[in-house]
C-alpha cells in the first residue's frame, strides 16, 4: 500500500507526537514543571534526564536538588573569588556575609540530598518536611546575601545579582518539585 505524502506526513507527525508524549517522559516533565515558577528553565534543566527519571516525582526532585547543589557550589566559588577584589567597608562586610550564607545553603542542600536518597515510606512526611525547610532556607540565604548589597552599585553587585538570581530560580524550581513530591504521600517509592 502506498501512502500519499500528506498522509505520510500526518502519520509521521502522529508517530512523533506519540513518542514525545509517552515514550520519553517529556509530557510528564512538562506537567511536573507547571508547578514551578520558572517552567521553561525547569523543562530545559531536566529534558536530558532518562525517561524513568522524568516520570517519577522522587527522581525528579532528587535531580532538582542535585542540580541546585551543583549550581550553588559554583556560585559559592564565584563569591569566594570576589574576595580577591579587596572590597572595602560595606561591600566587604556584605561579601563576607554572602560567603557564610552560601556555606549554610550548601549545608542545607547536602542534608536535603542525603534525605531524598534515603526516603522511606514510614518516615516520608517527616523527611519531605525537612527537605522543604532546608531548601526554603537556601532561598532565604540567597536573598540575605543580596540584601547586604542593597544601596550599592557597580559591576560586582550587578554580577552578583545576576549570578545569585539564576541559582535562586533553580532553587525555587527545586522547592516546587519537592512540594509536588510531598503531595504524592510517598506513593511509588522504590
N, C-alpha and C. Protein backbone atom coordinates (compact mmCIF):
# COMPACT_ATOMS: atom_id res chain seq x y z
N UNK A 1 0.85 -1.18 0.00
CA UNK A 1 0.00 0.00 0.00
C UNK A 1 0.88 1.23 0.00
N UNK A 2 0.56 2.16 -0.86
CA UNK A 2 1.34 3.37 -0.99
C UNK A 2 0.60 4.53 -0.32
N UNK A 3 1.33 5.32 0.47
CA UNK A 3 0.73 6.44 1.16
C UNK A 3 1.08 7.74 0.44
N UNK A 4 0.13 8.64 0.38
CA UNK A 4 0.41 9.95 -0.22
C UNK A 4 1.34 10.72 0.70
N UNK A 5 2.06 11.70 0.17
CA UNK A 5 2.96 12.49 1.02
C UNK A 5 2.23 13.15 2.19
N UNK A 6 1.01 13.59 1.99
CA UNK A 6 0.26 14.24 3.06
C UNK A 6 -0.08 13.24 4.16
N UNK A 7 -0.57 12.08 3.77
CA UNK A 7 -0.91 11.06 4.76
C UNK A 7 0.35 10.59 5.48
N UNK A 8 1.43 10.43 4.73
CA UNK A 8 2.70 10.04 5.34
C UNK A 8 3.15 11.09 6.36
N UNK A 9 3.02 12.35 6.02
CA UNK A 9 3.41 13.42 6.94
C UNK A 9 2.56 13.39 8.20
N UNK A 10 1.25 13.18 8.03
CA UNK A 10 0.35 13.10 9.19
C UNK A 10 0.71 11.90 10.05
N UNK A 11 0.97 10.76 9.40
CA UNK A 11 1.35 9.55 10.12
C UNK A 11 2.64 9.77 10.91
N UNK A 12 3.65 10.34 10.26
CA UNK A 12 4.93 10.58 10.94
C UNK A 12 4.76 11.58 12.07
N UNK A 13 3.95 12.61 11.86
CA UNK A 13 3.70 13.59 12.91
C UNK A 13 3.03 12.92 14.10
N UNK A 14 2.01 12.09 13.84
CA UNK A 14 1.32 11.39 14.92
C UNK A 14 2.26 10.44 15.66
N UNK A 15 3.09 9.76 14.88
CA UNK A 15 4.07 8.85 15.49
C UNK A 15 5.04 9.63 16.37
N UNK A 16 5.54 10.75 15.86
CA UNK A 16 6.46 11.59 16.62
C UNK A 16 5.81 12.12 17.88
N UNK A 17 4.58 12.61 17.76
CA UNK A 17 3.89 13.16 18.93
C UNK A 17 3.60 12.07 19.95
N UNK A 18 3.30 10.89 19.48
CA UNK A 18 3.08 9.78 20.41
C UNK A 18 4.33 9.46 21.19
N UNK A 19 5.47 9.45 20.52
CA UNK A 19 6.75 9.21 21.20
C UNK A 19 7.06 10.34 22.14
N UNK A 20 6.78 11.57 21.69
CA UNK A 20 7.07 12.73 22.52
C UNK A 20 6.22 12.73 23.78
N UNK A 21 4.96 12.40 23.62
CA UNK A 21 4.06 12.47 24.77
C UNK A 21 4.22 11.30 25.72
N UNK A 22 4.53 10.11 25.19
CA UNK A 22 4.53 8.94 26.07
C UNK A 22 5.88 8.27 26.21
N UNK A 23 6.63 8.20 25.15
CA UNK A 23 7.82 7.37 25.14
C UNK A 23 9.00 7.93 25.90
N UNK A 24 9.17 9.21 25.96
CA UNK A 24 10.39 9.73 26.56
C UNK A 24 10.17 10.52 27.84
N UNK A 25 8.97 10.60 28.31
CA UNK A 25 8.71 11.24 29.59
C UNK A 25 8.54 12.75 29.54
N UNK A 26 8.59 13.33 28.36
CA UNK A 26 8.51 14.79 28.29
C UNK A 26 7.14 15.32 28.68
N UNK A 27 6.08 14.58 28.41
CA UNK A 27 4.75 15.04 28.81
C UNK A 27 4.68 15.12 30.33
N UNK A 28 5.17 14.08 31.01
CA UNK A 28 5.18 14.10 32.48
C UNK A 28 6.05 15.26 32.98
N UNK A 29 7.22 15.44 32.33
CA UNK A 29 8.13 16.50 32.74
C UNK A 29 7.48 17.87 32.57
N UNK A 30 6.86 18.10 31.42
CA UNK A 30 6.18 19.39 31.21
C UNK A 30 5.11 19.60 32.27
N UNK A 31 4.35 18.56 32.56
CA UNK A 31 3.32 18.67 33.58
C UNK A 31 3.93 18.95 34.96
N UNK A 32 5.00 18.26 35.28
CA UNK A 32 5.67 18.47 36.57
C UNK A 32 6.21 19.89 36.66
N UNK A 33 6.72 20.41 35.58
CA UNK A 33 7.29 21.76 35.58
C UNK A 33 6.23 22.85 35.65
N UNK A 34 4.98 22.50 35.43
CA UNK A 34 3.91 23.50 35.51
C UNK A 34 3.76 24.07 36.91
N UNK A 35 4.17 23.32 37.92
CA UNK A 35 4.05 23.81 39.30
C UNK A 35 5.17 24.77 39.65
N UNK A 36 6.18 24.87 38.80
CA UNK A 36 7.31 25.73 39.10
C UNK A 36 7.05 27.15 38.61
N UNK A 37 7.76 28.07 39.19
CA UNK A 37 7.64 29.47 38.77
C UNK A 37 8.38 29.71 37.45
N UNK A 38 9.42 28.93 37.20
CA UNK A 38 10.25 29.11 36.01
C UNK A 38 10.15 27.84 35.17
N UNK A 39 9.03 27.71 34.47
CA UNK A 39 8.68 26.47 33.77
C UNK A 39 9.68 26.07 32.70
N UNK A 40 10.04 26.99 31.85
CA UNK A 40 10.97 26.65 30.76
C UNK A 40 12.34 26.27 31.30
N UNK A 41 12.79 26.99 32.32
CA UNK A 41 14.05 26.64 32.96
C UNK A 41 13.98 25.23 33.52
N UNK A 42 12.87 24.90 34.15
CA UNK A 42 12.67 23.55 34.69
C UNK A 42 12.76 22.52 33.58
N UNK A 43 12.00 22.72 32.53
CA UNK A 43 11.99 21.75 31.43
C UNK A 43 13.38 21.62 30.81
N UNK A 44 14.02 22.74 30.55
CA UNK A 44 15.35 22.70 29.91
C UNK A 44 16.40 22.07 30.82
N UNK A 45 16.24 22.22 32.12
CA UNK A 45 17.19 21.64 33.07
C UNK A 45 17.11 20.12 33.07
N UNK A 46 15.90 19.57 32.96
CA UNK A 46 15.71 18.13 33.13
C UNK A 46 15.38 17.39 31.84
N UNK A 47 15.35 18.09 30.74
CA UNK A 47 14.99 17.48 29.46
C UNK A 47 15.85 16.28 29.12
N UNK A 48 17.12 16.32 29.46
CA UNK A 48 18.05 15.25 29.07
C UNK A 48 18.07 14.07 30.04
N UNK A 49 17.29 14.14 31.10
CA UNK A 49 17.24 13.01 32.03
C UNK A 49 16.68 11.77 31.33
N UNK A 50 17.06 10.60 31.80
CA UNK A 50 16.45 9.38 31.26
C UNK A 50 14.93 9.40 31.49
N UNK A 51 14.20 8.73 30.65
CA UNK A 51 12.73 8.74 30.74
C UNK A 51 12.22 8.35 32.12
N UNK A 52 12.81 7.35 32.72
CA UNK A 52 12.34 6.88 34.03
C UNK A 52 12.45 8.00 35.07
N UNK A 53 13.50 8.79 35.02
CA UNK A 53 13.68 9.88 35.99
C UNK A 53 12.70 11.01 35.74
N UNK A 54 12.33 11.22 34.48
CA UNK A 54 11.41 12.30 34.14
C UNK A 54 9.96 11.93 34.45
N UNK A 55 9.70 10.69 34.82
CA UNK A 55 8.33 10.24 35.07
C UNK A 55 8.12 9.83 36.51
N UNK A 56 9.00 10.25 37.40
CA UNK A 56 8.95 9.86 38.79
C UNK A 56 9.20 11.08 39.66
N UNK A 57 8.25 11.42 40.51
CA UNK A 57 8.37 12.63 41.33
C UNK A 57 9.60 12.61 42.22
N UNK A 58 9.91 11.45 42.77
CA UNK A 58 11.07 11.33 43.65
C UNK A 58 12.38 11.54 42.88
N UNK A 59 12.50 10.90 41.73
CA UNK A 59 13.71 11.03 40.93
C UNK A 59 13.87 12.46 40.41
N UNK A 60 12.77 13.09 40.05
CA UNK A 60 12.82 14.46 39.55
C UNK A 60 13.23 15.42 40.67
N UNK A 61 12.67 15.25 41.85
CA UNK A 61 13.04 16.10 42.98
C UNK A 61 14.51 15.87 43.36
N UNK A 62 14.95 14.61 43.32
CA UNK A 62 16.35 14.31 43.62
C UNK A 62 17.27 14.99 42.60
N UNK A 63 16.90 14.94 41.35
CA UNK A 63 17.69 15.62 40.32
C UNK A 63 17.70 17.13 40.54
N UNK A 64 16.56 17.67 40.94
CA UNK A 64 16.48 19.11 41.18
C UNK A 64 17.39 19.54 42.33
N UNK A 65 17.43 18.74 43.37
CA UNK A 65 18.32 19.05 44.50
C UNK A 65 19.78 18.95 44.05
N UNK A 66 20.10 17.93 43.28
CA UNK A 66 21.47 17.75 42.79
C UNK A 66 21.91 18.92 41.92
N UNK A 67 21.05 19.35 41.01
CA UNK A 67 21.37 20.49 40.15
C UNK A 67 21.54 21.75 40.98
N UNK A 68 20.64 21.95 41.94
CA UNK A 68 20.72 23.14 42.80
C UNK A 68 22.02 23.13 43.60
N UNK A 69 22.40 21.97 44.10
CA UNK A 69 23.65 21.84 44.84
C UNK A 69 24.84 22.19 43.96
N UNK A 70 24.88 21.65 42.76
CA UNK A 70 25.99 21.93 41.84
C UNK A 70 26.07 23.42 41.50
N UNK A 71 24.93 24.02 41.22
CA UNK A 71 24.91 25.45 40.87
C UNK A 71 25.28 26.32 42.08
N UNK A 72 24.83 25.92 43.25
CA UNK A 72 25.16 26.67 44.46
C UNK A 72 26.66 26.59 44.74
N UNK A 73 27.26 25.42 44.51
CA UNK A 73 28.72 25.29 44.66
C UNK A 73 29.44 26.24 43.71
N UNK A 74 28.96 26.32 42.48
CA UNK A 74 29.58 27.22 41.50
C UNK A 74 29.49 28.68 41.96
N UNK A 75 28.32 29.08 42.44
CA UNK A 75 28.14 30.45 42.91
C UNK A 75 29.00 30.70 44.14
N UNK A 76 29.09 29.73 45.02
CA UNK A 76 29.92 29.86 46.21
C UNK A 76 31.38 30.09 45.83
N UNK A 77 31.86 29.34 44.85
CA UNK A 77 33.24 29.52 44.37
C UNK A 77 33.41 30.90 43.74
N UNK A 78 32.41 31.34 43.01
CA UNK A 78 32.44 32.67 42.40
C UNK A 78 32.55 33.75 43.47
N UNK A 79 31.74 33.61 44.52
CA UNK A 79 31.76 34.59 45.62
C UNK A 79 33.12 34.59 46.31
N UNK A 80 33.66 33.40 46.56
CA UNK A 80 34.99 33.33 47.17
C UNK A 80 36.03 34.02 46.29
N UNK A 81 35.90 33.88 44.98
CA UNK A 81 36.82 34.54 44.06
C UNK A 81 36.72 36.06 44.11
N UNK A 82 35.56 36.58 44.48
CA UNK A 82 35.39 38.03 44.57
C UNK A 82 36.20 38.63 45.72
N UNK A 83 36.60 37.81 46.66
CA UNK A 83 37.42 38.31 47.77
C UNK A 83 38.75 38.88 47.27
N UNK A 84 39.20 38.40 46.12
CA UNK A 84 40.45 38.90 45.55
C UNK A 84 40.35 40.36 45.12
N UNK A 85 39.12 40.85 44.97
CA UNK A 85 38.94 42.25 44.57
C UNK A 85 39.26 43.22 45.69
N UNK A 86 39.43 42.70 46.88
CA UNK A 86 39.75 43.51 48.05
C UNK A 86 38.75 44.67 48.23
N UNK A 87 37.50 44.28 48.33
CA UNK A 87 36.44 45.26 48.57
C UNK A 87 36.62 45.85 49.96
N UNK A 88 36.02 47.00 50.17
CA UNK A 88 36.15 47.69 51.47
C UNK A 88 34.78 48.01 52.04
N UNK A 89 34.80 48.30 53.33
CA UNK A 89 33.62 48.79 54.01
C UNK A 89 32.42 47.86 53.90
N UNK A 90 31.31 48.49 53.54
CA UNK A 90 30.04 47.77 53.49
C UNK A 90 30.06 46.61 52.49
N UNK A 91 30.69 46.81 51.33
CA UNK A 91 30.74 45.75 50.32
C UNK A 91 31.55 44.55 50.82
N UNK A 92 32.65 44.81 51.55
CA UNK A 92 33.45 43.71 52.09
C UNK A 92 32.63 42.93 53.12
N UNK A 93 31.94 43.67 54.00
CA UNK A 93 31.11 43.01 55.02
C UNK A 93 30.00 42.20 54.37
N UNK A 94 29.38 42.76 53.32
CA UNK A 94 28.31 42.06 52.62
C UNK A 94 28.86 40.80 51.93
N UNK A 95 30.04 40.90 51.37
CA UNK A 95 30.64 39.74 50.71
C UNK A 95 30.97 38.65 51.73
N UNK A 96 31.49 39.05 52.88
CA UNK A 96 31.75 38.07 53.94
C UNK A 96 30.46 37.38 54.38
N UNK A 97 29.37 38.16 54.47
CA UNK A 97 28.07 37.57 54.82
C UNK A 97 27.61 36.59 53.74
N UNK A 98 27.87 36.95 52.49
CA UNK A 98 27.49 36.05 51.38
C UNK A 98 28.21 34.72 51.48
N UNK A 99 29.47 34.76 51.82
CA UNK A 99 30.24 33.52 51.97
C UNK A 99 29.58 32.65 53.02
N UNK A 100 29.22 33.25 54.14
CA UNK A 100 28.57 32.50 55.22
C UNK A 100 27.19 31.99 54.78
N UNK A 101 26.43 32.82 54.08
CA UNK A 101 25.10 32.41 53.60
C UNK A 101 25.21 31.22 52.66
N UNK A 102 26.19 31.25 51.77
CA UNK A 102 26.31 30.16 50.81
C UNK A 102 26.88 28.90 51.46
N UNK A 103 27.68 29.05 52.50
CA UNK A 103 28.10 27.87 53.25
C UNK A 103 26.89 27.20 53.90
N UNK A 104 26.00 28.03 54.47
CA UNK A 104 24.77 27.50 55.06
C UNK A 104 23.90 26.83 53.99
N UNK A 105 23.80 27.47 52.83
CA UNK A 105 23.00 26.92 51.74
C UNK A 105 23.54 25.56 51.30
N UNK A 106 24.85 25.47 51.17
CA UNK A 106 25.46 24.19 50.77
C UNK A 106 25.18 23.11 51.80
N UNK A 107 25.28 23.47 53.07
CA UNK A 107 24.99 22.51 54.14
C UNK A 107 23.55 22.01 54.04
N UNK A 108 22.61 22.94 53.85
CA UNK A 108 21.20 22.55 53.75
C UNK A 108 20.92 21.71 52.51
N UNK A 109 21.61 21.98 51.42
CA UNK A 109 21.41 21.17 50.22
C UNK A 109 22.02 19.78 50.37
N UNK A 110 23.16 19.68 51.04
CA UNK A 110 23.74 18.36 51.30
C UNK A 110 22.80 17.53 52.17
N UNK A 111 22.22 18.16 53.19
CA UNK A 111 21.27 17.44 54.05
C UNK A 111 20.05 17.00 53.25
N UNK A 112 19.59 17.87 52.36
CA UNK A 112 18.42 17.54 51.54
C UNK A 112 18.71 16.38 50.60
N UNK A 113 19.89 16.40 50.00
CA UNK A 113 20.25 15.32 49.09
C UNK A 113 20.36 13.99 49.84
N UNK A 114 20.96 14.02 51.02
CA UNK A 114 21.04 12.80 51.83
C UNK A 114 19.63 12.31 52.16
N UNK A 115 18.77 13.24 52.53
CA UNK A 115 17.41 12.87 52.95
C UNK A 115 16.62 12.25 51.79
N UNK A 116 16.72 12.84 50.61
CA UNK A 116 15.93 12.31 49.49
C UNK A 116 16.47 10.97 49.01
N UNK A 117 17.75 10.76 49.21
CA UNK A 117 18.34 9.47 48.82
C UNK A 117 17.93 8.35 49.78
N UNK A 118 17.46 8.71 50.96
CA UNK A 118 17.12 7.69 51.95
C UNK A 118 15.63 7.72 52.31
N UNK A 119 14.80 8.17 51.37
CA UNK A 119 13.36 8.22 51.63
C UNK A 119 12.80 6.84 51.96
N UNK A 120 11.96 6.81 52.97
CA UNK A 120 11.26 5.59 53.35
C UNK A 120 9.79 5.93 53.55
N UNK A 121 8.94 5.03 53.18
CA UNK A 121 7.51 5.31 53.29
C UNK A 121 7.09 5.57 54.74
N UNK A 122 7.72 4.93 55.70
CA UNK A 122 7.33 5.10 57.11
C UNK A 122 7.68 6.47 57.66
N UNK A 123 8.69 7.13 57.09
CA UNK A 123 9.11 8.45 57.58
C UNK A 123 9.03 9.51 56.48
N UNK A 124 8.31 9.20 55.42
CA UNK A 124 8.25 10.05 54.23
C UNK A 124 7.85 11.48 54.57
N UNK A 125 6.75 11.67 55.27
CA UNK A 125 6.27 13.03 55.56
C UNK A 125 7.30 13.84 56.33
N UNK A 126 7.92 13.23 57.31
CA UNK A 126 8.95 13.91 58.10
C UNK A 126 10.15 14.28 57.23
N UNK A 127 10.58 13.34 56.40
CA UNK A 127 11.74 13.59 55.55
C UNK A 127 11.48 14.69 54.53
N UNK A 128 10.32 14.65 53.91
CA UNK A 128 9.99 15.68 52.92
C UNK A 128 9.84 17.04 53.59
N UNK A 129 9.26 17.06 54.77
CA UNK A 129 9.15 18.31 55.52
C UNK A 129 10.53 18.91 55.80
N UNK A 130 11.48 18.05 56.17
CA UNK A 130 12.85 18.52 56.37
C UNK A 130 13.41 19.15 55.10
N UNK A 131 13.23 18.47 53.98
CA UNK A 131 13.74 18.99 52.71
C UNK A 131 13.09 20.33 52.36
N UNK A 132 11.79 20.43 52.58
CA UNK A 132 11.10 21.69 52.30
C UNK A 132 11.68 22.82 53.15
N UNK A 133 11.93 22.53 54.42
CA UNK A 133 12.50 23.53 55.32
C UNK A 133 13.90 23.92 54.87
N UNK A 134 14.72 22.95 54.57
CA UNK A 134 16.11 23.23 54.20
C UNK A 134 16.23 23.96 52.87
N UNK A 135 15.44 23.57 51.89
CA UNK A 135 15.53 24.24 50.59
C UNK A 135 14.93 25.65 50.68
N UNK A 136 13.91 25.83 51.50
CA UNK A 136 13.40 27.18 51.75
C UNK A 136 14.48 28.05 52.40
N UNK A 137 15.23 27.45 53.30
CA UNK A 137 16.33 28.18 53.95
C UNK A 137 17.41 28.56 52.94
N UNK A 138 17.62 27.72 51.93
CA UNK A 138 18.58 28.04 50.87
C UNK A 138 18.14 29.31 50.15
N UNK A 139 16.85 29.39 49.82
CA UNK A 139 16.33 30.61 49.17
C UNK A 139 16.53 31.83 50.06
N UNK A 140 16.29 31.66 51.35
CA UNK A 140 16.49 32.77 52.28
C UNK A 140 17.95 33.18 52.33
N UNK A 141 18.86 32.21 52.34
CA UNK A 141 20.29 32.52 52.35
C UNK A 141 20.69 33.30 51.10
N UNK A 142 20.14 32.92 49.96
CA UNK A 142 20.45 33.62 48.72
C UNK A 142 19.95 35.06 48.77
N UNK A 143 18.73 35.24 49.28
CA UNK A 143 18.18 36.60 49.42
C UNK A 143 18.98 37.42 50.42
N UNK A 144 19.35 36.81 51.53
CA UNK A 144 20.12 37.51 52.56
C UNK A 144 21.46 37.98 52.01
N UNK A 145 22.08 37.16 51.20
CA UNK A 145 23.34 37.54 50.57
C UNK A 145 23.16 38.83 49.78
N UNK A 146 22.14 38.88 48.96
CA UNK A 146 21.92 40.07 48.13
C UNK A 146 21.47 41.27 48.94
N UNK A 147 20.74 41.04 50.03
CA UNK A 147 20.28 42.15 50.87
C UNK A 147 21.43 43.00 51.39
N UNK A 148 22.55 42.37 51.65
CA UNK A 148 23.70 43.11 52.16
C UNK A 148 24.23 44.14 51.17
N UNK A 149 23.91 43.97 49.91
CA UNK A 149 24.39 44.89 48.88
C UNK A 149 23.36 45.94 48.49
N UNK A 150 22.21 45.96 49.17
CA UNK A 150 21.20 46.98 48.87
C UNK A 150 21.79 48.37 48.99
N UNK A 151 21.53 49.19 48.00
CA UNK A 151 22.03 50.55 48.01
C UNK A 151 23.43 50.71 47.45
N UNK A 152 24.07 49.61 47.10
CA UNK A 152 25.39 49.71 46.49
C UNK A 152 25.24 49.43 44.99
N UNK A 153 26.18 49.94 44.23
CA UNK A 153 26.11 49.81 42.77
C UNK A 153 27.47 49.40 42.24
N UNK A 154 27.48 49.01 41.01
CA UNK A 154 28.73 48.66 40.35
C UNK A 154 28.67 47.30 39.70
N UNK A 155 29.73 46.99 39.02
CA UNK A 155 29.82 45.75 38.26
C UNK A 155 29.72 44.53 39.15
N UNK A 156 30.38 44.55 40.29
CA UNK A 156 30.36 43.40 41.20
C UNK A 156 28.93 43.11 41.65
N UNK A 157 28.22 44.15 42.05
CA UNK A 157 26.85 43.98 42.53
C UNK A 157 25.95 43.49 41.40
N UNK A 158 26.13 44.03 40.20
CA UNK A 158 25.32 43.59 39.05
C UNK A 158 25.57 42.11 38.75
N UNK A 159 26.82 41.70 38.77
CA UNK A 159 27.15 40.30 38.51
C UNK A 159 26.59 39.38 39.60
N UNK A 160 26.72 39.83 40.85
CA UNK A 160 26.16 39.03 41.94
C UNK A 160 24.66 38.89 41.81
N UNK A 161 23.97 39.99 41.51
CA UNK A 161 22.52 39.93 41.33
C UNK A 161 22.14 38.93 40.24
N UNK A 162 22.86 38.98 39.15
CA UNK A 162 22.58 38.08 38.03
C UNK A 162 22.89 36.63 38.40
N UNK A 163 24.07 36.41 38.96
CA UNK A 163 24.51 35.05 39.30
C UNK A 163 23.63 34.42 40.37
N UNK A 164 23.36 35.17 41.42
CA UNK A 164 22.52 34.64 42.50
C UNK A 164 21.07 34.54 42.05
N UNK A 165 20.65 35.44 41.19
CA UNK A 165 19.30 35.35 40.64
C UNK A 165 19.09 34.06 39.87
N UNK A 166 20.08 33.66 39.10
CA UNK A 166 19.99 32.40 38.34
C UNK A 166 19.87 31.20 39.27
N UNK A 167 20.72 31.13 40.28
CA UNK A 167 20.66 29.98 41.19
C UNK A 167 19.39 30.02 42.04
N UNK A 168 18.88 31.21 42.32
CA UNK A 168 17.63 31.31 43.07
C UNK A 168 16.46 30.75 42.27
N UNK A 169 16.45 30.97 40.96
CA UNK A 169 15.40 30.42 40.12
C UNK A 169 15.47 28.89 40.10
N UNK A 170 16.67 28.36 40.02
CA UNK A 170 16.85 26.90 40.05
C UNK A 170 16.40 26.35 41.40
N UNK A 171 16.73 27.04 42.47
CA UNK A 171 16.34 26.62 43.82
C UNK A 171 14.82 26.67 43.98
N UNK A 172 14.21 27.72 43.48
CA UNK A 172 12.76 27.85 43.54
C UNK A 172 12.08 26.67 42.84
N UNK A 173 12.61 26.30 41.68
CA UNK A 173 12.05 25.15 40.96
C UNK A 173 12.24 23.86 41.75
N UNK A 174 13.39 23.71 42.38
CA UNK A 174 13.64 22.52 43.19
C UNK A 174 12.62 22.42 44.33
N UNK A 175 12.37 23.54 44.98
CA UNK A 175 11.40 23.54 46.08
C UNK A 175 10.01 23.16 45.58
N UNK A 176 9.63 23.68 44.42
CA UNK A 176 8.32 23.33 43.85
C UNK A 176 8.23 21.84 43.55
N UNK A 177 9.30 21.26 43.05
CA UNK A 177 9.29 19.82 42.75
C UNK A 177 9.29 18.98 44.02
N UNK A 178 9.93 19.48 45.08
CA UNK A 178 9.85 18.80 46.38
C UNK A 178 8.42 18.88 46.92
N UNK A 179 7.78 20.03 46.74
CA UNK A 179 6.39 20.17 47.17
C UNK A 179 5.49 19.20 46.41
N UNK A 180 5.75 19.00 45.13
CA UNK A 180 5.00 18.02 44.35
C UNK A 180 5.23 16.62 44.88
N UNK A 181 6.47 16.33 45.22
CA UNK A 181 6.78 15.02 45.82
C UNK A 181 5.99 14.84 47.11
N UNK A 182 5.90 15.89 47.91
CA UNK A 182 5.15 15.82 49.17
C UNK A 182 3.70 15.43 48.92
N UNK A 183 3.14 15.94 47.83
CA UNK A 183 1.74 15.65 47.52
C UNK A 183 1.51 14.18 47.17
N UNK A 184 2.57 13.47 46.77
CA UNK A 184 2.40 12.06 46.44
C UNK A 184 2.22 11.21 47.68
N UNK A 185 2.62 11.73 48.84
CA UNK A 185 2.50 10.97 50.07
C UNK A 185 3.39 9.75 50.11
N UNK A 186 4.38 9.72 49.25
CA UNK A 186 5.31 8.59 49.24
C UNK A 186 4.89 7.46 48.33
N UNK A 187 3.78 7.64 47.60
CA UNK A 187 3.38 6.58 46.66
C UNK A 187 4.46 6.42 45.60
N UNK A 188 4.78 5.21 45.28
CA UNK A 188 5.74 4.95 44.22
C UNK A 188 7.18 4.98 44.67
N UNK A 189 7.43 5.01 45.97
CA UNK A 189 8.82 4.95 46.42
C UNK A 189 9.41 3.61 46.08
N UNK A 190 10.65 3.65 45.68
CA UNK A 190 11.33 2.39 45.33
C UNK A 190 12.13 1.90 46.49
